[in-house]
PDB file of N, CA and C in Angstrom:
ATOM      1  N   MET A   1     -97.610 -20.733 167.489  1.00  0.00           N
ATOM      2  CA  MET A   1     -96.711 -19.666 167.834  1.00  0.00           C
ATOM      3  C   MET A   1     -97.150 -18.350 167.210  1.00  0.00           C
ATOM      4  N   ARG A   2     -97.707 -18.455 165.997  1.00  0.00           N
ATOM      5  CA  ARG A   2     -98.154 -17.226 165.347  1.00  0.00           C
ATOM      6  C   ARG A   2     -99.260 -16.563 166.159  1.00  0.00           C
ATOM      7  N   LEU A   3    -100.149 -17.365 166.754  1.00  0.00           N
ATOM      8  CA  LEU A   3    -101.202 -16.800 167.603  1.00  0.00           C
ATOM      9  C   LEU A   3    -100.575 -16.030 168.764  1.00  0.00           C
ATOM     10  N   LEU A   4     -99.588 -16.607 169.411  1.00  0.00           N
ATOM     11  CA  LEU A   4     -98.935 -15.919 170.523  1.00  0.00           C
ATOM     12  C   LEU A   4     -98.262 -14.634 170.049  1.00  0.00           C
ATOM     13  N   GLU A   5     -97.594 -14.694 168.918  1.00  0.00           N
ATOM     14  CA  GLU A   5     -96.945 -13.493 168.384  1.00  0.00           C
ATOM     15  C   GLU A   5     -97.959 -12.394 168.093  1.00  0.00           C
ATOM     16  N   LEU A   6     -99.107 -12.778 167.563  1.00  0.00           N
ATOM     17  CA  LEU A   6    -100.135 -11.785 167.255  1.00  0.00           C
ATOM     18  C   LEU A   6    -100.818 -11.252 168.512  1.00  0.00           C
ATOM     19  N   ILE A   7    -100.949 -12.079 169.531  1.00  0.00           N
ATOM     20  CA  ILE A   7    -101.479 -11.592 170.812  1.00  0.00           C
ATOM     21  C   ILE A   7    -100.525 -10.527 171.354  1.00  0.00           C
ATOM     22  N   ALA A   8     -99.229 -10.796 171.288  1.00  0.00           N
ATOM     23  CA  ALA A   8     -98.242  -9.816 171.755  1.00  0.00           C
ATOM     24  C   ALA A   8     -98.331  -8.524 170.943  1.00  0.00           C
ATOM     25  N   ALA A   9     -98.514  -8.645 169.641  1.00  0.00           N
ATOM     26  CA  ALA A   9     -98.557  -7.465 168.763  1.00  0.00           C
ATOM     27  C   ALA A   9     -99.830  -6.649 168.940  1.00  0.00           C
ATOM     28  N   HIS A  10    -100.966  -7.331 169.102  1.00  0.00           N
ATOM     29  CA  HIS A  10    -102.260  -6.649 169.154  1.00  0.00           C
ATOM     30  C   HIS A  10    -102.761  -6.379 170.576  1.00  0.00           C
ATOM     31  N   GLY A  11    -102.218  -7.105 171.543  1.00  0.00           N
ATOM     32  CA  GLY A  11    -102.708  -6.955 172.909  1.00  0.00           C
ATOM     33  C   GLY A  11    -104.113  -7.494 173.081  1.00  0.00           C
ATOM     34  N   SER A  12    -104.501  -8.431 172.204  1.00  0.00           N
ATOM     35  CA  SER A  12    -105.872  -8.924 172.207  1.00  0.00           C
ATOM     36  C   SER A  12    -105.934 -10.319 171.607  1.00  0.00           C
ATOM     37  N   ILE A  13    -106.600 -11.224 172.313  1.00  0.00           N
ATOM     38  CA  ILE A  13    -106.814 -12.566 171.774  1.00  0.00           C
ATOM     39  C   ILE A  13    -107.768 -12.482 170.590  1.00  0.00           C
ATOM     40  N   ARG A  14    -108.808 -11.676 170.716  1.00  0.00           N
ATOM     41  CA  ARG A  14    -109.786 -11.534 169.630  1.00  0.00           C
ATOM     42  C   ARG A  14    -109.117 -11.011 168.356  1.00  0.00           C
ATOM     43  N   GLN A  15    -108.329  -9.952 168.469  1.00  0.00           N
ATOM     44  CA  GLN A  15    -107.677  -9.378 167.293  1.00  0.00           C
ATOM     45  C   GLN A  15    -106.653 -10.337 166.691  1.00  0.00           C
ATOM     46  N   ALA A  16    -105.955 -11.079 167.533  1.00  0.00           N
ATOM     47  CA  ALA A  16    -105.022 -12.083 167.027  1.00  0.00           C
ATOM     48  C   ALA A  16    -105.782 -13.153 166.242  1.00  0.00           C
ATOM     49  N   GLY A  17    -106.924 -13.577 166.769  1.00  0.00           N
ATOM     50  CA  GLY A  17    -107.750 -14.553 166.065  1.00  0.00           C
ATOM     51  C   GLY A  17    -108.245 -14.016 164.735  1.00  0.00           C
ATOM     52  N   VAL A  18    -108.688 -12.771 164.713  1.00  0.00           N
ATOM     53  CA  VAL A  18    -109.154 -12.143 163.473  1.00  0.00           C
ATOM     54  C   VAL A  18    -108.029 -12.143 162.441  1.00  0.00           C
ATOM     55  N   ALA A  19    -106.825 -11.795 162.863  1.00  0.00           N
ATOM     56  CA  ALA A  19    -105.686 -11.751 161.945  1.00  0.00           C
ATOM     57  C   ALA A  19    -105.399 -13.122 161.347  1.00  0.00           C
ATOM     58  N   LEU A  20    -105.727 -14.177 162.089  1.00  0.00           N
ATOM     59  CA  LEU A  20    -105.515 -15.544 161.603  1.00  0.00           C
ATOM     60  C   LEU A  20    -106.773 -16.161 160.997  1.00  0.00           C
ATOM     61  N   LYS A  21    -107.835 -15.348 160.873  1.00  0.00           N
ATOM     62  CA  LYS A  21    -109.125 -15.839 160.374  1.00  0.00           C
ATOM     63  C   LYS A  21    -109.634 -17.007 161.228  1.00  0.00           C
ATOM     64  N   MET A  22    -109.524 -16.802 162.531  1.00  0.00           N
ATOM     65  CA  MET A  22    -109.885 -17.811 163.520  1.00  0.00           C
ATOM     66  C   MET A  22    -110.929 -17.207 164.447  1.00  0.00           C
ATOM     67  N   SER A  23    -111.885 -18.001 164.873  1.00  0.00           N
ATOM     68  CA  SER A  23    -112.885 -17.491 165.803  1.00  0.00           C
ATOM     69  C   SER A  23    -112.245 -17.199 167.157  1.00  0.00           C
ATOM     70  N   TYR A  24    -112.886 -16.312 167.893  1.00  0.00           N
ATOM     71  CA  TYR A  24    -112.410 -16.010 169.240  1.00  0.00           C
ATOM     72  C   TYR A  24    -112.398 -17.276 170.086  1.00  0.00           C
ATOM     73  N   GLY A  25    -113.456 -18.081 169.961  1.00  0.00           N
ATOM     74  CA  GLY A  25    -113.550 -19.316 170.742  1.00  0.00           C
ATOM     75  C   GLY A  25    -112.380 -20.245 170.483  1.00  0.00           C
ATOM     76  N   ARG A  26    -112.007 -20.373 169.228  1.00  0.00           N
ATOM     77  CA  ARG A  26    -110.871 -21.235 168.868  1.00  0.00           C
ATOM     78  C   ARG A  26    -109.577 -20.655 169.430  1.00  0.00           C
ATOM     79  N   ALA A  27    -109.365 -19.350 169.261  1.00  0.00           N
ATOM     80  CA  ALA A  27    -108.148 -18.705 169.771  1.00  0.00           C
ATOM     81  C   ALA A  27    -108.072 -18.847 171.290  1.00  0.00           C
ATOM     82  N   TRP A  28    -109.175 -18.586 171.971  1.00  0.00           N
ATOM     83  CA  TRP A  28    -109.197 -18.689 173.429  1.00  0.00           C
ATOM     84  C   TRP A  28    -108.922 -20.121 173.862  1.00  0.00           C
ATOM     85  N   GLY A  29    -109.500 -21.085 173.155  1.00  0.00           N
ATOM     86  CA  GLY A  29    -109.266 -22.492 173.482  1.00  0.00           C
ATOM     87  C   GLY A  29    -107.802 -22.877 173.343  1.00  0.00           C
ATOM     88  N   LEU A  30    -107.144 -22.386 172.302  1.00  0.00           N
ATOM     89  CA  LEU A  30    -105.716 -22.665 172.122  1.00  0.00           C
ATOM     90  C   LEU A  30    -104.882 -22.036 173.233  1.00  0.00           C
ATOM     91  N   VAL A  31    -105.238 -20.823 173.618  1.00  0.00           N
ATOM     92  CA  VAL A  31    -104.528 -20.157 174.721  1.00  0.00           C
ATOM     93  C   VAL A  31    -104.697 -20.966 176.003  1.00  0.00           C
ATOM     94  N   GLN A  32    -105.909 -21.396 176.294  1.00  0.00           N
ATOM     95  CA  GLN A  32    -106.149 -22.196 177.500  1.00  0.00           C
ATOM     96  C   GLN A  32    -105.357 -23.499 177.460  1.00  0.00           C
ATOM     97  N   GLU A  33    -105.310 -24.128 176.282  1.00  0.00           N
ATOM     98  CA  GLU A  33    -104.563 -25.378 176.137  1.00  0.00           C
ATOM     99  C   GLU A  33    -103.074 -25.154 176.408  1.00  0.00           C
ATOM    100  N   LEU A  34    -102.522 -24.054 175.886  1.00  0.00           N
ATOM    101  CA  LEU A  34    -101.116 -23.746 176.146  1.00  0.00           C
ATOM    102  C   LEU A  34    -100.874 -23.468 177.626  1.00  0.00           C
ATOM    103  N   ASN A  35    -101.746 -22.701 178.247  1.00  0.00           N
ATOM    104  CA  ASN A  35    -101.610 -22.417 179.670  1.00  0.00           C
ATOM    105  C   ASN A  35    -101.621 -23.707 180.485  1.00  0.00           C
ATOM    106  N   THR A  36    -102.477 -24.644 180.113  1.00  0.00           N
ATOM    107  CA  THR A  36    -102.559 -25.927 180.803  1.00  0.00           C
ATOM    108  C   THR A  36    -101.311 -26.766 180.540  1.00  0.00           C
ATOM    109  N   THR A  37    -100.883 -26.819 179.286  1.00  0.00           N
ATOM    110  CA  THR A  37     -99.719 -27.623 178.908  1.00  0.00           C
ATOM    111  C   THR A  37     -98.473 -27.200 179.665  1.00  0.00           C
ATOM    112  N   PHE A  38     -98.273 -25.886 179.788  1.00  0.00           N
ATOM    113  CA  PHE A  38     -97.072 -25.400 180.461  1.00  0.00           C
ATOM    114  C   PHE A  38     -97.239 -25.297 181.971  1.00  0.00           C
ATOM    115  N   GLY A  39     -98.444 -25.534 182.469  1.00  0.00           N
ATOM    116  CA  GLY A  39     -98.667 -25.529 183.907  1.00  0.00           C
ATOM    117  C   GLY A  39     -98.693 -24.147 184.535  1.00  0.00           C
ATOM    118  N   ARG A  40     -98.466 -23.136 183.734  1.00  0.00           N
ATOM    119  CA  ARG A  40     -98.513 -21.730 184.163  1.00  0.00           C
ATOM    120  C   ARG A  40     -98.980 -20.936 182.960  1.00  0.00           C
ATOM    121  N   PRO A  41     -99.496 -19.756 183.164  1.00  0.00           N
ATOM    122  CA  PRO A  41     -99.990 -18.974 182.025  1.00  0.00           C
ATOM    123  C   PRO A  41     -98.871 -18.531 181.079  1.00  0.00           C
ATOM    124  N   VAL A  42     -99.120 -18.719 179.789  1.00  0.00           N
ATOM    125  CA  VAL A  42     -98.264 -18.130 178.758  1.00  0.00           C
ATOM    126  C   VAL A  42     -98.892 -16.823 178.278  1.00  0.00           C
ATOM    127  N   VAL A  43    -100.198 -16.680 178.530  1.00  0.00           N
ATOM    128  CA  VAL A  43    -100.946 -15.463 178.198  1.00  0.00           C
ATOM    129  C   VAL A  43    -101.761 -15.077 179.416  1.00  0.00           C
ATOM    130  N   ARG A  44    -101.754 -13.808 179.727  1.00  0.00           N
ATOM    131  CA  ARG A  44    -102.642 -13.270 180.765  1.00  0.00           C
ATOM    132  C   ARG A  44    -103.672 -12.406 180.060  1.00  0.00           C
ATOM    133  N   ALA A  45    -104.931 -12.680 180.352  1.00  0.00           N
ATOM    134  CA  ALA A  45    -106.022 -11.930 179.729  1.00  0.00           C
ATOM    135  C   ALA A  45    -106.812 -11.211 180.807  1.00  0.00           C
ATOM    136  N   ALA A  46    -107.208  -9.991 180.501  1.00  0.00           N
ATOM    137  CA  ALA A  46    -108.067  -9.213 181.390  1.00  0.00           C
ATOM    138  C   ALA A  46    -109.394  -9.025 180.676  1.00  0.00           C
ATOM    139  N   PRO A  47    -110.513  -9.244 181.365  1.00  0.00           N
ATOM    140  CA  PRO A  47    -111.812  -9.080 180.723  1.00  0.00           C
ATOM    141  C   PRO A  47    -112.001  -7.663 180.188  1.00  0.00           C
ATOM    142  N   GLY A  48    -112.782  -7.545 179.147  1.00  0.00           N
ATOM    143  CA  GLY A  48    -113.087  -6.237 178.548  1.00  0.00           C
ATOM    144  C   GLY A  48    -113.996  -5.422 179.436  1.00  0.00           C
ATOM    145  N   GLY A  49    -114.680  -4.491 178.843  1.00  0.00           N
ATOM    146  CA  GLY A  49    -115.568  -3.621 179.609  1.00  0.00           C
ATOM    147  C   GLY A  49    -115.003  -2.222 179.670  1.00  0.00           C
ATOM    148  N   ALA A  50    -115.354  -1.507 180.719  1.00  0.00           N
ATOM    149  CA  ALA A  50    -114.949  -0.109 180.849  1.00  0.00           C
ATOM    150  C   ALA A  50    -113.429   0.057 180.865  1.00  0.00           C
ATOM    151  N   SER A  51    -112.731  -0.922 181.449  1.00  0.00           N
ATOM    152  CA  SER A  51    -111.267  -0.829 181.537  1.00  0.00           C
ATOM    153  C   SER A  51    -110.587  -1.255 180.244  1.00  0.00           C
ATOM    154  N   GLY A  52    -111.338  -1.802 179.304  1.00  0.00           N
ATOM    155  CA  GLY A  52    -110.782  -2.151 177.993  1.00  0.00           C
ATOM    156  C   GLY A  52    -110.262  -3.559 177.855  1.00  0.00           C
ATOM    157  N   GLY A  53    -109.870  -4.198 178.930  1.00  0.00           N
ATOM    158  CA  GLY A  53    -109.384  -5.562 178.854  1.00  0.00           C
ATOM    159  C   GLY A  53    -108.097  -5.669 178.066  1.00  0.00           C
ATOM    160  N   GLY A  54    -107.867  -6.839 177.506  1.00  0.00           N
ATOM    161  CA  GLY A  54    -106.688  -7.071 176.698  1.00  0.00           C
ATOM    162  C   GLY A  54    -105.977  -8.342 177.109  1.00  0.00           C
ATOM    163  N   ALA A  55    -104.900  -8.624 176.426  1.00  0.00           N
ATOM    164  CA  ALA A  55    -104.121  -9.828 176.703  1.00  0.00           C
ATOM    165  C   ALA A  55    -102.656  -9.532 176.416  1.00  0.00           C
ATOM    166  N   ARG A  56    -101.798 -10.219 177.143  1.00  0.00           N
ATOM    167  CA  ARG A  56    -100.365 -10.058 176.922  1.00  0.00           C
ATOM    168  C   ARG A  56     -99.676 -11.376 177.231  1.00  0.00           C
ATOM    169  N   LEU A  57     -98.515 -11.549 176.627  1.00  0.00           N
ATOM    170  CA  LEU A  57     -97.727 -12.727 176.932  1.00  0.00           C
ATOM    171  C   LEU A  57     -97.054 -12.535 178.282  1.00  0.00           C
ATOM    172  N   THR A  58     -96.951 -13.607 179.020  1.00  0.00           N
ATOM    173  CA  THR A  58     -96.183 -13.594 180.257  1.00  0.00           C
ATOM    174  C   THR A  58     -94.709 -13.793 179.867  1.00  0.00           C
ATOM    175  N   PRO A  59     -93.795 -13.613 180.797  1.00  0.00           N
ATOM    176  CA  PRO A  59     -92.397 -13.931 180.488  1.00  0.00           C
ATOM    177  C   PRO A  59     -92.232 -15.376 179.993  1.00  0.00           C
ATOM    178  N   LEU A  60     -93.015 -16.296 180.560  1.00  0.00           N
ATOM    179  CA  LEU A  60     -92.979 -17.680 180.077  1.00  0.00           C
ATOM    180  C   LEU A  60     -93.409 -17.733 178.618  1.00  0.00           C
ATOM    181  N   GLY A  61     -94.491 -17.053 178.277  1.00  0.00           N
ATOM    182  CA  GLY A  61     -94.967 -17.039 176.899  1.00  0.00           C
ATOM    183  C   GLY A  61     -93.941 -16.470 175.936  1.00  0.00           C
ATOM    184  N   GLU A  62     -93.281 -15.391 176.356  1.00  0.00           N
ATOM    185  CA  GLU A  62     -92.231 -14.811 175.519  1.00  0.00           C
ATOM    186  C   GLU A  62     -91.094 -15.808 175.312  1.00  0.00           C
ATOM    187  N   GLY A  63     -90.751 -16.535 176.366  1.00  0.00           N
ATOM    188  CA  GLY A  63     -89.698 -17.553 176.269  1.00  0.00           C
ATOM    189  C   GLY A  63     -90.093 -18.714 175.378  1.00  0.00           C
ATOM    190  N   VAL A  64     -91.347 -19.115 175.444  1.00  0.00           N
ATOM    191  CA  VAL A  64     -91.843 -20.200 174.597  1.00  0.00           C
ATOM    192  C   VAL A  64     -91.722 -19.809 173.124  1.00  0.00           C
ATOM    193  N   VAL A  65     -92.155 -18.606 172.797  1.00  0.00           N
ATOM    194  CA  VAL A  65     -92.079 -18.143 171.405  1.00  0.00           C
ATOM    195  C   VAL A  65     -90.624 -18.075 170.958  1.00  0.00           C
ATOM    196  N   ALA A  66     -89.762 -17.492 171.774  1.00  0.00           N
ATOM    197  CA  ALA A  66     -88.346 -17.364 171.411  1.00  0.00           C
ATOM    198  C   ALA A  66     -87.700 -18.735 171.222  1.00  0.00           C
ATOM    199  N   SER A  67     -87.979 -19.675 172.109  1.00  0.00           N
ATOM    200  CA  SER A  67     -87.403 -21.014 172.006  1.00  0.00           C
ATOM    201  C   SER A  67     -87.910 -21.742 170.765  1.00  0.00           C
ATOM    202  N   TYR A  68     -89.197 -21.605 170.491  1.00  0.00           N
ATOM    203  CA  TYR A  68     -89.769 -22.247 169.310  1.00  0.00           C
ATOM    204  C   TYR A  68     -89.128 -21.696 168.039  1.00  0.00           C
ATOM    205  N   ARG A  69     -89.025 -20.385 167.935  1.00  0.00           N
ATOM    206  CA  ARG A  69     -88.439 -19.766 166.739  1.00  0.00           C
ATOM    207  C   ARG A  69     -86.964 -20.133 166.595  1.00  0.00           C
ATOM    208  N   ALA A  70     -86.237 -20.259 167.702  1.00  0.00           N
ATOM    209  CA  ALA A  70     -84.841 -20.690 167.639  1.00  0.00           C
ATOM    210  C   ALA A  70     -84.735 -22.126 167.140  1.00  0.00           C
ATOM    211  N   ALA A  71     -85.600 -23.003 167.622  1.00  0.00           N
ATOM    212  CA  ALA A  71     -85.600 -24.395 167.169  1.00  0.00           C
ATOM    213  C   ALA A  71     -85.974 -24.484 165.693  1.00  0.00           C
ATOM    214  N   GLU A  72     -86.938 -23.684 165.293  1.00  0.00           N
ATOM    215  CA  GLU A  72     -87.364 -23.656 163.890  1.00  0.00           C
ATOM    216  C   GLU A  72     -86.201 -23.225 162.991  1.00  0.00           C
ATOM    217  N   SER A  73     -85.484 -22.212 163.393  1.00  0.00           N
ATOM    218  CA  SER A  73     -84.352 -21.706 162.625  1.00  0.00           C
ATOM    219  C   SER A  73     -83.225 -22.745 162.561  1.00  0.00           C
ATOM    220  N   ALA A  74     -82.938 -23.381 163.686  1.00  0.00           N
ATOM    221  CA  ALA A  74     -81.883 -24.398 163.724  1.00  0.00           C
ATOM    222  C   ALA A  74     -82.239 -25.596 162.849  1.00  0.00           C
ATOM    223  N   SER A  75     -83.493 -26.015 162.866  1.00  0.00           N
ATOM    224  CA  SER A  75     -83.891 -27.162 162.045  1.00  0.00           C
ATOM    225  C   SER A  75     -83.845 -26.812 160.560  1.00  0.00           C
ATOM    226  N   ALA A  76     -84.183 -25.581 160.202  1.00  0.00           N
ATOM    227  CA  ALA A  76     -84.096 -25.159 158.796  1.00  0.00           C
ATOM    228  C   ALA A  76     -82.649 -25.178 158.330  1.00  0.00           C
ATOM    229  N   ARG A  77     -81.737 -24.691 159.178  1.00  0.00           N
ATOM    230  CA  ARG A  77     -80.305 -24.715 158.823  1.00  0.00           C
ATOM    231  C   ARG A  77     -79.819 -26.148 158.673  1.00  0.00           C
ATOM    232  N   ALA A  78     -80.236 -27.021 159.580  1.00  0.00           N
ATOM    233  CA  ALA A  78     -79.794 -28.415 159.550  1.00  0.00           C
ATOM    234  C   ALA A  78     -80.319 -29.155 158.324  1.00  0.00           C
ATOM    235  N   ALA A  79     -81.485 -28.790 157.860  1.00  0.00           N
ATOM    236  CA  ALA A  79     -82.106 -29.487 156.724  1.00  0.00           C
ATOM    237  C   ALA A  79     -81.693 -28.910 155.374  1.00  0.00           C
ATOM    238  N   ARG A  80     -81.061 -27.765 155.354  1.00  0.00           N
ATOM    239  CA  ARG A  80     -80.754 -27.062 154.106  1.00  0.00           C
ATOM    240  C   ARG A  80     -80.024 -27.947 153.091  1.00  0.00           C
ATOM    241  N   ALA A  81     -78.975 -28.651 153.496  1.00  0.00           N
ATOM    242  CA  ALA A  81     -78.196 -29.480 152.569  1.00  0.00           C
ATOM    243  C   ALA A  81     -79.032 -30.632 152.018  1.00  0.00           C
ATOM    244  N   SER A  82     -79.804 -31.275 152.862  1.00  0.00           N
ATOM    245  CA  SER A  82     -80.642 -32.394 152.407  1.00  0.00           C
ATOM    246  C   SER A  82     -81.708 -31.922 151.434  1.00  0.00           C
ATOM    247  N   ILE A  83     -82.286 -30.775 151.692  1.00  0.00           N
ATOM    248  CA  ILE A  83     -83.308 -30.229 150.798  1.00  0.00           C
ATOM    249  C   ILE A  83     -82.686 -29.875 149.453  1.00  0.00           C
ATOM    250  N   ALA A  84     -81.494 -29.310 149.473  1.00  0.00           N
ATOM    251  CA  ALA A  84     -80.801 -28.978 148.225  1.00  0.00           C
ATOM    252  C   ALA A  84     -80.527 -30.234 147.408  1.00  0.00           C
ATOM    253  N   LYS A  85     -80.138 -31.330 148.063  1.00  0.00           N
ATOM    254  CA  LYS A  85     -79.903 -32.601 147.361  1.00  0.00           C
ATOM    255  C   LYS A  85     -81.192 -33.112 146.728  1.00  0.00           C
ATOM    256  N   MET A  86     -82.301 -33.036 147.454  1.00  0.00           N
ATOM    257  CA  MET A  86     -83.588 -33.491 146.899  1.00  0.00           C
ATOM    258  C   MET A  86     -83.992 -32.630 145.715  1.00  0.00           C
ATOM    259  N   GLN A  87     -83.768 -31.331 145.793  1.00  0.00           N
ATOM    260  CA  GLN A  87     -84.102 -30.450 144.686  1.00  0.00           C
ATOM    261  C   GLN A  87     -83.257 -30.778 143.461  1.00  0.00           C
ATOM    262  N   ALA A  88     -81.973 -31.082 143.674  1.00  0.00           N
ATOM    263  CA  ALA A  88     -81.111 -31.448 142.557  1.00  0.00           C
ATOM    264  C   ALA A  88     -81.579 -32.759 141.933  1.00  0.00           C
ATOM    265  N   LEU A  89     -81.985 -33.705 142.743  1.00  0.00           N
ATOM    266  CA  LEU A  89     -82.519 -34.966 142.219  1.00  0.00           C
ATOM    267  C   LEU A  89     -83.792 -34.741 141.422  1.00  0.00           C
ATOM    268  N   ALA A  90     -84.629 -33.852 141.903  1.00  0.00           N
ATOM    269  CA  ALA A  90     -85.892 -33.566 141.198  1.00  0.00           C
ATOM    270  C   ALA A  90     -85.613 -32.933 139.842  1.00  0.00           C
ATOM    271  N   ARG A  91     -84.606 -32.080 139.755  1.00  0.00           N
ATOM    272  CA  ARG A  91     -84.267 -31.452 138.476  1.00  0.00           C
ATOM    273  C   ARG A  91     -83.714 -32.473 137.487  1.00  0.00           C
ATOM    274  N   LYS A  92     -83.032 -33.507 137.993  1.00  0.00           N
ATOM    275  CA  LYS A  92     -82.460 -34.528 137.116  1.00  0.00           C
ATOM    276  C   LYS A  92     -83.519 -35.457 136.534  1.00  0.00           C
ATOM    277  N   SER A  93     -84.641 -35.575 137.214  1.00  0.00           N
ATOM    278  CA  SER A  93     -85.655 -36.533 136.746  1.00  0.00           C
ATOM    279  C   SER A  93     -86.638 -35.924 135.796  1.00  0.00           C
TER     280      SER A  93
END
């Protein structure tokens, strides 16, 4: 998800990969895998050159990121009490 967020922020798969200390090949491969998994593009990329190229999230990609972050937030809230109990147990030992 962080790769997708950085693609949205930078408008570039390469720059998103650089920000994550990831090769362009690895970043591009992950984007292709996501596009295949969802059956439609989550990222649209335009080749570089005179026009500059770039990449952007599709509406599907934006929805994927939003849904993932919502699930992440909900799971953190749900786990909060259990984590607090484990921390209290660790302090007792």
